[in-house]
Amino acid sequence: MNSPLKVGITGGIGAGKTFVCRVLEKMGYPVFYSDKEAKELMNAHPGIVEEIIALVGEQAYEDGELNRPFLAEKAFENKDLLSRINAIVHPRVREAFADFAEQNAGFKGIVFNEAAILFETGAYKTFDATVLITAPESVRLNRVVERDTIPESQVRSRMNNQWKDEEKAKLADFVIHNDGTTMLLPQIENMLIKLAEIGKRT
C-alpha cells in the first residue's frame, strides 16, 4: 500500500479548524486530532506520566488524572518548562499519527492532521501539504467567548500566544477563509482537487 498524502490543518483559536475537519470527516476523509491525542497520552502513556512527574513533581497528577490547571500555571510562568513538556509529548503524538496514517491510507490516499500550533513548533515541515483556516480576529473573539463562556481578555491572551495569520499564511500551501460570509464548501472542494493532484505527483 502506498503511503498516504499527509496534510496538516491548523488555524488560530476560534478560526474554525475543527469545524472544517468535521466537514472533511463527513466527506469520508480520515482526520487525526493532535491536541486531543496529546491530552489522552498525557493521561494514559506510562512513559509520559513518569517523565512529567520527574519534571514538575507529583502534583502534576491527581487521582490518576493530569492536573491541568497546575501544569498550565507552571508552563505559563516558565516557557522553558513548556518546551520541555512539549519535547516529552510531541514525539509520541507524531508516532501515534504515523500509525493512524498507515491504518487509514486507503481512502483517496489523503490523511489530515489537525493541530493548533503546526507552524509555531516547526511540525509543518513533516507534512506533504499544510492548510490554514482563517477568520477575522473579531469573529474569532466572538466565537470563543460564546463557545467557552470566558472573558474577552482571556481569549486575547491566548491569541497573543499564537502566531498571526499573516505569518502562518506565508508557510501554508492552502488558506481557507471561514469568516461566516465566504462560502466554505467550494474552498474545501478546490483544496481537495489540488491535493489529489499533489498525491499523483508524489
Protein backbone atom coordinates (compact mmCIF):
# COMPACT_ATOMS: atom_id res chain seq x y z
CA MET A 1 0.00 0.00 0.00
CA ASN A 2 1.30 3.43 -0.95
CA SER A 3 1.94 5.92 1.83
CA PRO A 4 -0.93 8.45 2.03
CA LEU A 5 -0.52 12.17 1.49
CA LYS A 6 -0.16 13.66 4.98
CA VAL A 7 -1.83 17.07 5.30
CA GLY A 8 -1.52 19.31 8.37
CA ILE A 9 -4.51 21.54 9.10
CA THR A 10 -4.34 24.43 11.56
CA GLY A 11 -5.73 27.83 12.49
CA GLY A 12 -5.77 30.28 15.35
CA ILE A 13 -8.17 29.89 18.25
CA GLY A 14 -11.74 30.42 17.03
CA ALA A 15 -10.84 30.15 13.34
CA GLY A 16 -12.95 27.02 12.99
CA LYS A 17 -10.34 24.40 12.10
CA THR A 18 -12.26 21.68 13.95
CA PHE A 19 -15.43 22.59 12.04
CA VAL A 20 -13.57 22.24 8.73
CA CYS A 21 -12.16 18.90 9.92
CA ARG A 22 -15.68 17.69 10.74
CA VAL A 23 -16.75 18.59 7.18
CA LEU A 24 -13.80 16.58 5.82
CA GLU A 25 -14.80 13.62 8.00
CA LYS A 26 -18.38 13.83 6.67
CA MET A 27 -16.85 13.63 3.19
CA GLY A 28 -15.09 10.43 4.26
CA TYR A 29 -11.56 11.70 4.90
CA PRO A 30 -9.70 10.44 7.98
CA VAL A 31 -8.71 13.19 10.45
CA PHE A 32 -6.27 12.79 13.33
CA TYR A 33 -6.71 15.32 16.16
CA SER A 34 -3.24 16.01 17.58
CA ASP A 35 -4.34 18.10 20.57
CA LYS A 36 -6.95 15.52 21.64
CA GLU A 37 -4.38 12.73 21.25
CA ALA A 38 -1.82 14.70 23.31
CA LYS A 39 -4.34 15.09 26.15
CA GLU A 40 -5.14 11.37 26.10
CA LEU A 41 -1.47 10.37 26.03
CA MET A 42 -0.64 12.69 28.93
CA ASN A 43 -3.16 10.76 31.00
CA ALA A 44 -2.53 7.24 29.75
CA HIS A 45 1.03 6.84 28.45
CA PRO A 46 3.19 5.47 31.32
CA GLY A 47 6.41 6.96 29.90
CA ILE A 48 4.89 10.43 29.57
CA VAL A 49 3.33 10.31 33.04
CA GLU A 50 6.66 9.28 34.55
CA GLU A 51 8.64 11.97 32.73
CA ILE A 52 6.17 14.77 33.56
CA ILE A 53 6.19 13.81 37.26
CA ALA A 54 10.01 13.78 37.19
CA LEU A 55 9.93 17.25 35.60
CA VAL A 56 7.35 19.07 37.73
CA GLY A 57 6.58 16.79 40.68
CA GLU A 58 3.77 14.55 41.95
CA GLN A 59 1.30 17.47 41.87
CA ALA A 60 1.17 17.10 38.09
CA TYR A 61 -1.38 14.29 38.59
CA GLU A 62 -4.39 13.96 40.90
CA ASP A 63 -6.28 10.67 41.25
CA GLY A 64 -4.57 9.33 38.13
CA GLU A 65 -5.61 12.32 36.02
CA LEU A 66 -3.42 15.13 34.71
CA ASN A 67 -3.75 18.23 36.90
CA ARG A 68 -4.20 20.64 34.01
CA PRO A 69 -4.64 23.88 35.99
CA PHE A 70 -1.43 23.17 37.93
CA LEU A 71 0.54 22.30 34.79
CA ALA A 72 -0.87 25.26 32.83
CA GLU A 73 0.11 27.67 35.60
CA LYS A 74 3.64 26.22 35.77
CA ALA A 75 4.07 26.33 31.99
CA PHE A 76 2.65 29.86 31.72
CA GLU A 77 5.26 31.10 34.20
CA ASN A 78 8.11 29.20 32.55
CA LYS A 79 8.38 28.97 28.74
CA ASP A 80 11.41 26.66 29.01
CA LEU A 81 9.29 24.22 31.03
CA LEU A 82 6.60 24.33 28.33
CA SER A 83 9.24 23.45 25.71
CA ARG A 84 10.43 20.53 27.82
CA ILE A 85 6.87 19.23 28.28
CA ASN A 86 6.32 19.52 24.51
CA ALA A 87 9.57 17.60 23.94
CA ILE A 88 8.12 14.77 26.05
CA VAL A 89 4.68 14.70 24.44
CA HIS A 90 5.10 15.71 20.78
CA PRO A 91 7.30 12.77 19.63
CA ARG A 92 4.69 10.33 20.99
CA VAL A 93 1.90 12.22 19.21
CA ARG A 94 3.89 12.02 15.95
CA GLU A 95 4.26 8.25 16.44
CA ALA A 96 0.51 7.92 17.03
CA PHE A 97 -0.19 9.91 13.83
CA ALA A 98 2.21 7.73 11.82
CA ASP A 99 0.25 4.66 12.97
CA PHE A 100 -3.07 6.38 12.21
CA ALA A 101 -1.90 7.37 8.71
CA GLU A 102 -0.79 3.82 7.97
CA GLN A 103 -4.10 2.37 9.15
CA ASN A 104 -6.17 4.94 7.21
CA ALA A 105 -4.20 5.08 3.97
CA GLY A 106 -6.98 3.57 1.89
CA PHE A 107 -9.43 6.43 1.38
CA LYS A 108 -8.36 8.56 -1.58
CA GLY A 109 -4.79 8.48 -0.24
CA ILE A 110 -5.14 11.62 1.93
CA VAL A 111 -4.93 11.79 5.72
CA PHE A 112 -5.45 15.03 7.66
CA ASN A 113 -3.84 16.03 10.97
CA GLU A 114 -5.45 18.85 12.96
CA ALA A 115 -3.01 20.69 15.24
CA ALA A 116 -3.29 24.07 16.97
CA ILE A 117 0.37 25.10 16.70
CA LEU A 118 1.55 23.44 13.49
CA PHE A 119 3.78 26.32 12.35
CA GLU A 120 4.94 27.54 15.75
CA THR A 121 6.54 24.17 16.56
CA GLY A 122 8.05 23.61 13.11
CA ALA A 123 5.91 20.45 12.76
CA TYR A 124 4.59 21.73 9.41
CA LYS A 125 7.87 20.57 7.82
CA THR A 126 6.88 16.94 8.39
CA PHE A 127 3.75 17.19 6.19
CA ASP A 128 3.30 16.89 2.43
CA ALA A 129 1.00 19.94 2.49
CA THR A 130 -0.49 22.35 5.03
CA VAL A 131 -3.84 24.10 5.30
CA LEU A 132 -4.50 27.28 7.29
CA ILE A 133 -8.06 28.13 8.39
CA THR A 134 -8.51 31.88 8.92
CA ALA A 135 -11.17 34.28 10.18
CA PRO A 136 -11.05 37.95 11.21
CA GLU A 137 -9.92 38.48 14.80
CA SER A 138 -13.28 39.98 15.84
CA VAL A 139 -15.13 36.92 14.52
CA ARG A 140 -12.74 34.54 16.27
CA LEU A 141 -13.05 36.52 19.50
CA ASN A 142 -16.85 36.35 19.46
CA ARG A 143 -16.85 32.64 18.66
CA VAL A 144 -14.55 31.72 21.56
CA VAL A 145 -16.26 33.97 24.13
CA GLU A 146 -19.60 32.41 23.17
CA ARG A 147 -18.26 28.82 22.98
CA ASP A 148 -16.15 28.77 26.15
CA THR A 149 -18.02 31.45 28.13
CA ILE A 150 -14.75 33.10 29.15
CA PRO A 151 -13.79 36.80 29.32
CA GLU A 152 -12.62 38.55 26.16
CA SER A 153 -9.31 39.42 27.87
CA GLN A 154 -8.58 35.71 28.38
CA VAL A 155 -9.24 34.97 24.71
CA ARG A 156 -6.95 37.81 23.63
CA SER A 157 -4.23 36.46 25.90
CA ARG A 158 -4.49 33.05 24.23
CA MET A 159 -4.48 34.69 20.79
CA ASN A 160 -1.31 36.58 21.66
CA ASN A 161 0.47 33.29 22.34
CA GLN A 162 -0.15 32.17 18.75
CA TRP A 163 1.38 33.45 15.55
CA LYS A 164 -0.62 35.94 13.49
CA ASP A 165 -2.42 34.56 10.42
CA GLU A 166 -0.20 36.72 8.17
CA GLU A 167 2.90 34.87 9.41
CA LYS A 168 1.30 31.43 9.06
CA ALA A 169 -0.13 32.16 5.62
CA LYS A 170 3.41 32.61 4.25
CA LEU A 171 4.14 28.98 5.12
CA ALA A 172 0.75 27.41 4.30
CA ASP A 173 0.05 25.67 0.99
CA PHE A 174 -3.69 26.39 1.24
CA VAL A 175 -5.66 29.10 3.05
CA ILE A 176 -9.38 28.61 3.74
CA HIS A 177 -11.41 31.64 4.84
CA ASN A 178 -14.01 30.70 7.45
CA ASP A 179 -15.33 34.20 8.11
CA GLY A 180 -19.04 33.33 8.07
CA THR A 181 -19.67 35.04 4.73
CA THR A 182 -17.32 33.37 2.22
CA MET A 183 -18.73 30.01 1.08
CA LEU A 184 -16.76 27.24 2.76
CA LEU A 185 -17.56 24.11 0.76
CA PRO A 186 -16.23 25.34 -2.62
CA GLN A 187 -12.93 26.26 -0.91
CA ILE A 188 -12.66 22.78 0.65
CA GLU A 189 -13.53 21.04 -2.64
CA ASN A 190 -10.99 23.13 -4.54
CA MET A 191 -8.32 22.24 -1.96
CA LEU A 192 -9.15 18.51 -2.26
CA ILE A 193 -8.81 18.62 -6.06
CA LYS A 194 -5.37 20.23 -5.75
CA LEU A 195 -4.31 17.79 -3.01
CA ALA A 196 -5.28 14.87 -5.26
CA GLU A 197 -3.02 16.36 -7.95
CA ILE A 198 -0.15 16.62 -5.44
CA GLY A 199 -0.81 12.99 -4.43
CA LYS A 200 -0.40 11.85 -8.05
CA ARG A 201 2.99 13.55 -8.27
CA THR A 202 4.41 12.02 -5.05
